[in-house]
Amino acid sequence: MSAFQSTQLSQNNSRSAAAACTPQRPLAEGGQKITLRRITARTVADICDLSETLTTEQRAMVADNAISIADAHFSESAWFRAIYVGEDPAGFIMLHNGYDYEDGLECHGVFLWRLMVAGPYQGSGVGRGAIEMIVESLKARGISELYAGCGQGPSSPAPFYEKLGFVPTGVFYGDDDDEIEIVLRW
């Protein structure tokens, strides 16, 4: 099956057919598969609703999924997918590929622009699995690093990123330098 046919199948057929055409990773807890899938007119509301599963502190650290999806549609450099566990929506991931002044991102490589894991799935390996799939894809394209920004404070995801091997670059973002740039190299 060609890549085009595979993409068409995942866009037009049922959830199970779409899952068969997307990268998969076993989930550490429960053995269900983690997949990255295109967001469609049928699934966009479910993905947007996932933002409601976050705590108030977490919501202060990550953009609402509806805002992220809108940002992606207005960017020429965005790539985004929903994260699924089995057949259930469990999160959102978005990359930015390269420098784009209009998007406000000044990273000259691939940047993990957004990562959101729904509350019930946090701590179960979903975020790690999604990042691992992204890294595998980047490796296959000859890319050897992934940048991200990490907010600081009580609900900071810094420990999560540190466990994955991300390290600070010393660059800060935001008006108050409240977000530090981190990078994962392989």
C-alpha atoms as a PDB file:
ATOM      1  CA  MET A   1       0.000   0.000   0.000  1.00  0.00           C
ATOM      2  CA  SER A   2       1.395   3.403  -0.926  1.00  0.00           C
ATOM      3  CA  ALA A   3       1.805   6.166   1.654  1.00  0.00           C
ATOM      4  CA  PHE A   4      -0.979   8.075  -0.125  1.00  0.00           C
ATOM      5  CA  GLN A   5      -3.356   5.106   0.070  1.00  0.00           C
ATOM      6  CA  SER A   6      -2.481   4.585   3.717  1.00  0.00           C
ATOM      7  CA  THR A   7      -3.225   8.247   4.480  1.00  0.00           C
ATOM      8  CA  GLN A   8      -6.522   8.080   2.615  1.00  0.00           C
ATOM      9  CA  LEU A   9      -7.502   4.923   4.490  1.00  0.00           C
ATOM     10  CA  SER A  10      -6.749   6.480   7.854  1.00  0.00           C
ATOM     11  CA  GLN A  11      -8.745   9.577   6.981  1.00  0.00           C
ATOM     12  CA  ASN A  12     -11.793   7.902   5.493  1.00  0.00           C
ATOM     13  CA  ASN A  13     -12.340   4.630   7.330  1.00  0.00           C
ATOM     14  CA  SER A  14     -13.266   3.635  10.850  1.00  0.00           C
ATOM     15  CA  ARG A  15     -11.136   4.246  13.936  1.00  0.00           C
ATOM     16  CA  SER A  16      -9.706   0.714  13.835  1.00  0.00           C
ATOM     17  CA  ALA A  17      -8.621   1.096  10.212  1.00  0.00           C
ATOM     18  CA  ALA A  18      -7.026   4.422  11.063  1.00  0.00           C
ATOM     19  CA  ALA A  19      -5.146   2.842  13.960  1.00  0.00           C
ATOM     20  CA  ALA A  20      -3.699   0.209  11.638  1.00  0.00           C
ATOM     21  CA  CYS A  21      -2.142   2.915   9.477  1.00  0.00           C
ATOM     22  CA  THR A  22      -0.527   4.976  12.217  1.00  0.00           C
ATOM     23  CA  PRO A  23       2.617   4.467  14.284  1.00  0.00           C
ATOM     24  CA  GLN A  24       1.917   2.415  17.385  1.00  0.00           C
ATOM     25  CA  ARG A  25       3.670   1.857  20.676  1.00  0.00           C
ATOM     26  CA  PRO A  26       2.594  -0.504  23.473  1.00  0.00           C
ATOM     27  CA  LEU A  27       1.449   1.275  26.598  1.00  0.00           C
ATOM     28  CA  ALA A  28       3.475   0.472  29.727  1.00  0.00           C
ATOM     29  CA  GLU A  29       0.350  -0.039  31.830  1.00  0.00           C
ATOM     30  CA  GLY A  30      -2.475  -2.159  30.468  1.00  0.00           C
ATOM     31  CA  GLY A  31      -0.851  -3.211  27.196  1.00  0.00           C
ATOM     32  CA  GLN A  32      -3.061  -1.043  24.972  1.00  0.00           C
ATOM     33  CA  LYS A  33      -1.499   0.624  21.940  1.00  0.00           C
ATOM     34  CA  ILE A  34      -0.627   4.299  21.765  1.00  0.00           C
ATOM     35  CA  THR A  35      -1.212   5.783  18.319  1.00  0.00           C
ATOM     36  CA  LEU A  36      -0.828   9.202  16.734  1.00  0.00           C
ATOM     37  CA  ARG A  37      -3.780  10.008  14.469  1.00  0.00           C
ATOM     38  CA  ARG A  38      -4.918  12.862  12.300  1.00  0.00           C
ATOM     39  CA  ILE A  39      -7.616  15.031  13.829  1.00  0.00           C
ATOM     40  CA  THR A  40     -10.727  15.029  11.670  1.00  0.00           C
ATOM     41  CA  ALA A  41     -14.077  16.785  11.679  1.00  0.00           C
ATOM     42  CA  ARG A  42     -15.420  13.738  13.531  1.00  0.00           C
ATOM     43  CA  THR A  43     -12.747  13.770  16.251  1.00  0.00           C
ATOM     44  CA  VAL A  44     -11.903  17.445  16.789  1.00  0.00           C
ATOM     45  CA  ALA A  45     -14.488  18.016  19.539  1.00  0.00           C
ATOM     46  CA  ASP A  46     -13.229  14.981  21.490  1.00  0.00           C
ATOM     47  CA  ILE A  47      -9.646  16.238  21.266  1.00  0.00           C
ATOM     48  CA  CYS A  48     -10.655  19.753  22.308  1.00  0.00           C
ATOM     49  CA  ASP A  49     -12.610  18.375  25.284  1.00  0.00           C
ATOM     50  CA  LEU A  50      -9.460  16.707  26.660  1.00  0.00           C
ATOM     51  CA  SER A  51      -8.237  20.080  27.911  1.00  0.00           C
ATOM     52  CA  GLU A  52     -11.008  19.953  30.517  1.00  0.00           C
ATOM     53  CA  THR A  53      -9.307  16.954  32.187  1.00  0.00           C
ATOM     54  CA  LEU A  54      -6.330  19.040  33.334  1.00  0.00           C
ATOM     55  CA  THR A  55      -5.977  20.700  36.724  1.00  0.00           C
ATOM     56  CA  THR A  56      -6.101  24.485  36.935  1.00  0.00           C
ATOM     57  CA  GLU A  57      -2.321  24.558  37.460  1.00  0.00           C
ATOM     58  CA  GLN A  58      -1.719  22.322  34.436  1.00  0.00           C
ATOM     59  CA  ARG A  59      -4.017  24.438  32.267  1.00  0.00           C
ATOM     60  CA  ALA A  60      -1.841  27.438  33.117  1.00  0.00           C
ATOM     61  CA  MET A  61       1.159  25.550  31.644  1.00  0.00           C
ATOM     62  CA  VAL A  62      -0.332  24.341  28.345  1.00  0.00           C
ATOM     63  CA  ALA A  63      -2.548  25.941  25.723  1.00  0.00           C
ATOM     64  CA  ASP A  64      -6.080  24.660  25.322  1.00  0.00           C
ATOM     65  CA  ASN A  65      -6.248  22.033  22.555  1.00  0.00           C
ATOM     66  CA  ALA A  66      -8.716  24.153  20.574  1.00  0.00           C
ATOM     67  CA  ILE A  67      -6.191  27.024  20.556  1.00  0.00           C
ATOM     68  CA  SER A  68      -3.391  24.642  19.581  1.00  0.00           C
ATOM     69  CA  ILE A  69      -5.389  23.224  16.676  1.00  0.00           C
ATOM     70  CA  ALA A  70      -6.210  26.752  15.485  1.00  0.00           C
ATOM     71  CA  ASP A  71      -2.526  27.751  15.786  1.00  0.00           C
ATOM     72  CA  ALA A  72      -1.571  24.720  13.707  1.00  0.00           C
ATOM     73  CA  HIS A  73      -4.007  25.595  10.940  1.00  0.00           C
ATOM     74  CA  PHE A  74      -2.506  29.065  10.612  1.00  0.00           C
ATOM     75  CA  SER A  75       1.107  27.905  10.612  1.00  0.00           C
ATOM     76  CA  GLU A  76       3.003  26.695   7.580  1.00  0.00           C
ATOM     77  CA  SER A  77       5.452  24.897   9.884  1.00  0.00           C
ATOM     78  CA  ALA A  78       3.132  22.921  12.193  1.00  0.00           C
ATOM     79  CA  TRP A  79       2.538  19.178  12.296  1.00  0.00           C
ATOM     80  CA  PHE A  80      -0.018  17.880  14.804  1.00  0.00           C
ATOM     81  CA  ARG A  81      -1.790  14.690  15.838  1.00  0.00           C
ATOM     82  CA  ALA A  82      -4.159  13.365  18.455  1.00  0.00           C
ATOM     83  CA  ILE A  83      -2.738  10.781  20.824  1.00  0.00           C
ATOM     84  CA  TYR A  84      -4.935   7.712  21.314  1.00  0.00           C
ATOM     85  CA  VAL A  85      -4.776   4.814  23.755  1.00  0.00           C
ATOM     86  CA  GLY A  86      -6.596   1.967  22.081  1.00  0.00           C
ATOM     87  CA  GLU A  87      -9.672   3.685  20.664  1.00  0.00           C
ATOM     88  CA  ASP A  88      -9.807   6.438  23.275  1.00  0.00           C
ATOM     89  CA  PRO A  89      -8.455   9.982  22.747  1.00  0.00           C
ATOM     90  CA  ALA A  90      -5.749  10.599  25.347  1.00  0.00           C
ATOM     91  CA  GLY A  91      -3.832  13.695  24.286  1.00  0.00           C
ATOM     92  CA  PHE A  92      -2.458  16.043  21.681  1.00  0.00           C
ATOM     93  CA  ILE A  93       1.014  16.605  20.229  1.00  0.00           C
ATOM     94  CA  MET A  94       2.244  19.317  17.882  1.00  0.00           C
ATOM     95  CA  LEU A  95       5.649  19.950  16.342  1.00  0.00           C
ATOM     96  CA  HIS A  96       7.052  23.016  14.653  1.00  0.00           C
ATOM     97  CA  ASN A  97       9.577  22.375  11.931  1.00  0.00           C
ATOM     98  CA  GLY A  98      12.090  25.179  11.777  1.00  0.00           C
ATOM     99  CA  TYR A  99      12.194  28.913  12.160  1.00  0.00           C
ATOM    100  CA  ASP A 100       9.047  30.936  11.509  1.00  0.00           C
ATOM    101  CA  TYR A 101       8.948  34.533  12.642  1.00  0.00           C
ATOM    102  CA  GLU A 102       5.165  34.808  12.217  1.00  0.00           C
ATOM    103  CA  ASP A 103       4.624  31.886  14.618  1.00  0.00           C
ATOM    104  CA  GLY A 104       6.921  33.489  17.168  1.00  0.00           C
ATOM    105  CA  LEU A 105       9.222  30.466  17.275  1.00  0.00           C
ATOM    106  CA  GLU A 106      12.912  31.063  16.766  1.00  0.00           C
ATOM    107  CA  CYS A 107      14.119  27.462  16.902  1.00  0.00           C
ATOM    108  CA  HIS A 108      16.214  26.399  13.924  1.00  0.00           C
ATOM    109  CA  GLY A 109      15.323  22.719  14.319  1.00  0.00           C
ATOM    110  CA  VAL A 110      12.275  20.645  15.144  1.00  0.00           C
ATOM    111  CA  PHE A 111      10.451  22.033  18.175  1.00  0.00           C
ATOM    112  CA  LEU A 112       7.921  20.207  20.348  1.00  0.00           C
ATOM    113  CA  TRP A 113       5.425  23.060  20.289  1.00  0.00           C
ATOM    114  CA  ARG A 114       2.674  21.396  22.317  1.00  0.00           C
ATOM    115  CA  LEU A 115       2.250  18.189  24.281  1.00  0.00           C
ATOM    116  CA  MET A 116      -0.870  17.515  26.288  1.00  0.00           C
ATOM    117  CA  VAL A 117      -1.801  14.252  27.986  1.00  0.00           C
ATOM    118  CA  ALA A 118      -5.318  14.037  29.433  1.00  0.00           C
ATOM    119  CA  GLY A 119      -5.530  13.776  33.213  1.00  0.00           C
ATOM    120  CA  PRO A 120      -6.622  10.119  33.387  1.00  0.00           C
ATOM    121  CA  TYR A 121      -3.639   9.058  31.242  1.00  0.00           C
ATOM    122  CA  GLN A 122      -0.901  10.997  32.993  1.00  0.00           C
ATOM    123  CA  GLY A 123       1.777   8.812  34.534  1.00  0.00           C
ATOM    124  CA  SER A 124       0.849   5.774  32.423  1.00  0.00           C
ATOM    125  CA  GLY A 125       3.484   6.097  29.688  1.00  0.00           C
ATOM    126  CA  VAL A 126       1.338   7.916  27.121  1.00  0.00           C
ATOM    127  CA  GLY A 127       3.515  11.046  26.907  1.00  0.00           C
ATOM    128  CA  ARG A 128       6.709   8.974  26.816  1.00  0.00           C
ATOM    129  CA  GLY A 129       5.273   6.733  24.092  1.00  0.00           C
ATOM    130  CA  ALA A 130       4.252   9.707  21.952  1.00  0.00           C
ATOM    131  CA  ILE A 131       7.700  11.315  22.288  1.00  0.00           C
ATOM    132  CA  GLU A 132       9.403   7.997  21.466  1.00  0.00           C
ATOM    133  CA  MET A 133       7.355   7.706  18.252  1.00  0.00           C
ATOM    134  CA  ILE A 134       8.306  11.263  17.312  1.00  0.00           C
ATOM    135  CA  VAL A 135      11.993  10.549  17.973  1.00  0.00           C
ATOM    136  CA  GLU A 136      11.860   7.392  15.823  1.00  0.00           C
ATOM    137  CA  SER A 137      10.336   9.409  12.987  1.00  0.00           C
ATOM    138  CA  LEU A 138      12.940  12.159  13.309  1.00  0.00           C
ATOM    139  CA  LYS A 139      15.779   9.621  13.380  1.00  0.00           C
ATOM    140  CA  ALA A 140      14.456   8.074  10.162  1.00  0.00           C
ATOM    141  CA  ARG A 141      14.647  11.527   8.550  1.00  0.00           C
ATOM    142  CA  GLY A 142      18.239  12.082   9.730  1.00  0.00           C
ATOM    143  CA  ILE A 143      17.303  14.621  12.414  1.00  0.00           C
ATOM    144  CA  SER A 144      19.267  14.226  15.646  1.00  0.00           C
ATOM    145  CA  GLU A 145      17.605  16.580  18.124  1.00  0.00           C
ATOM    146  CA  LEU A 146      14.238  17.757  19.360  1.00  0.00           C
ATOM    147  CA  TYR A 147      13.779  21.087  21.130  1.00  0.00           C
ATOM    148  CA  ALA A 148      10.992  22.035  23.523  1.00  0.00           C
ATOM    149  CA  GLY A 149      10.061  24.767  25.959  1.00  0.00           C
ATOM    150  CA  CYS A 150       9.340  23.958  29.573  1.00  0.00           C
ATOM    151  CA  GLY A 151       7.376  26.211  31.887  1.00  0.00           C
ATOM    152  CA  GLN A 152       8.603  26.625  35.424  1.00  0.00           C
ATOM    153  CA  GLY A 153       6.615  26.414  38.636  1.00  0.00           C
ATOM    154  CA  PRO A 154       4.695  23.946  40.793  1.00  0.00           C
ATOM    155  CA  SER A 155       3.035  22.089  37.886  1.00  0.00           C
ATOM    156  CA  SER A 156       6.069  22.209  35.608  1.00  0.00           C
ATOM    157  CA  PRO A 157       6.561  19.170  33.387  1.00  0.00           C
ATOM    158  CA  ALA A 158      10.351  19.468  33.903  1.00  0.00           C
ATOM    159  CA  PRO A 159      10.670  16.113  35.749  1.00  0.00           C
ATOM    160  CA  PHE A 160       8.884  14.342  32.875  1.00  0.00           C
ATOM    161  CA  TYR A 161      11.231  15.843  30.282  1.00  0.00           C
ATOM    162  CA  GLU A 162      14.324  15.173  32.416  1.00  0.00           C
ATOM    163  CA  LYS A 163      13.418  11.457  32.638  1.00  0.00           C
ATOM    164  CA  LEU A 164      13.283  11.365  28.841  1.00  0.00           C
ATOM    165  CA  GLY A 165      16.766  12.874  28.591  1.00  0.00           C
ATOM    166  CA  PHE A 166      15.975  16.499  27.731  1.00  0.00           C
ATOM    167  CA  VAL A 167      18.540  18.995  29.040  1.00  0.00           C
ATOM    168  CA  PRO A 168      18.336  22.801  29.388  1.00  0.00           C
ATOM    169  CA  THR A 169      20.063  24.864  26.705  1.00  0.00           C
ATOM    170  CA  GLY A 170      20.267  28.051  28.781  1.00  0.00           C
ATOM    171  CA  VAL A 171      17.833  29.915  26.516  1.00  0.00           C
ATOM    172  CA  PHE A 172      14.666  31.351  28.094  1.00  0.00           C
ATOM    173  CA  TYR A 173      11.351  32.360  26.504  1.00  0.00           C
ATOM    174  CA  GLY A 174       8.502  34.640  27.471  1.00  0.00           C
ATOM    175  CA  ASP A 175       8.245  38.180  28.712  1.00  0.00           C
ATOM    176  CA  ASP A 176       9.368  37.100  32.178  1.00  0.00           C
ATOM    177  CA  ASP A 177      11.789  34.360  31.046  1.00  0.00           C
ATOM    178  CA  ASP A 178       9.338  31.889  32.606  1.00  0.00           C
ATOM    179  CA  GLU A 179       9.968  29.115  30.086  1.00  0.00           C
ATOM    180  CA  ILE A 180      13.313  27.428  29.516  1.00  0.00           C
ATOM    181  CA  GLU A 181      14.371  25.828  26.248  1.00  0.00           C
ATOM    182  CA  ILE A 182      15.318  22.151  26.529  1.00  0.00           C
ATOM    183  CA  VAL A 183      16.723  19.732  23.961  1.00  0.00           C
ATOM    184  CA  LEU A 184      16.843  15.983  23.485  1.00  0.00           C
ATOM    185  CA  ARG A 185      19.763  14.741  21.366  1.00  0.00           C
ATOM    186  CA  TRP A 186      20.452  11.240  20.081  1.00  0.00           C
END
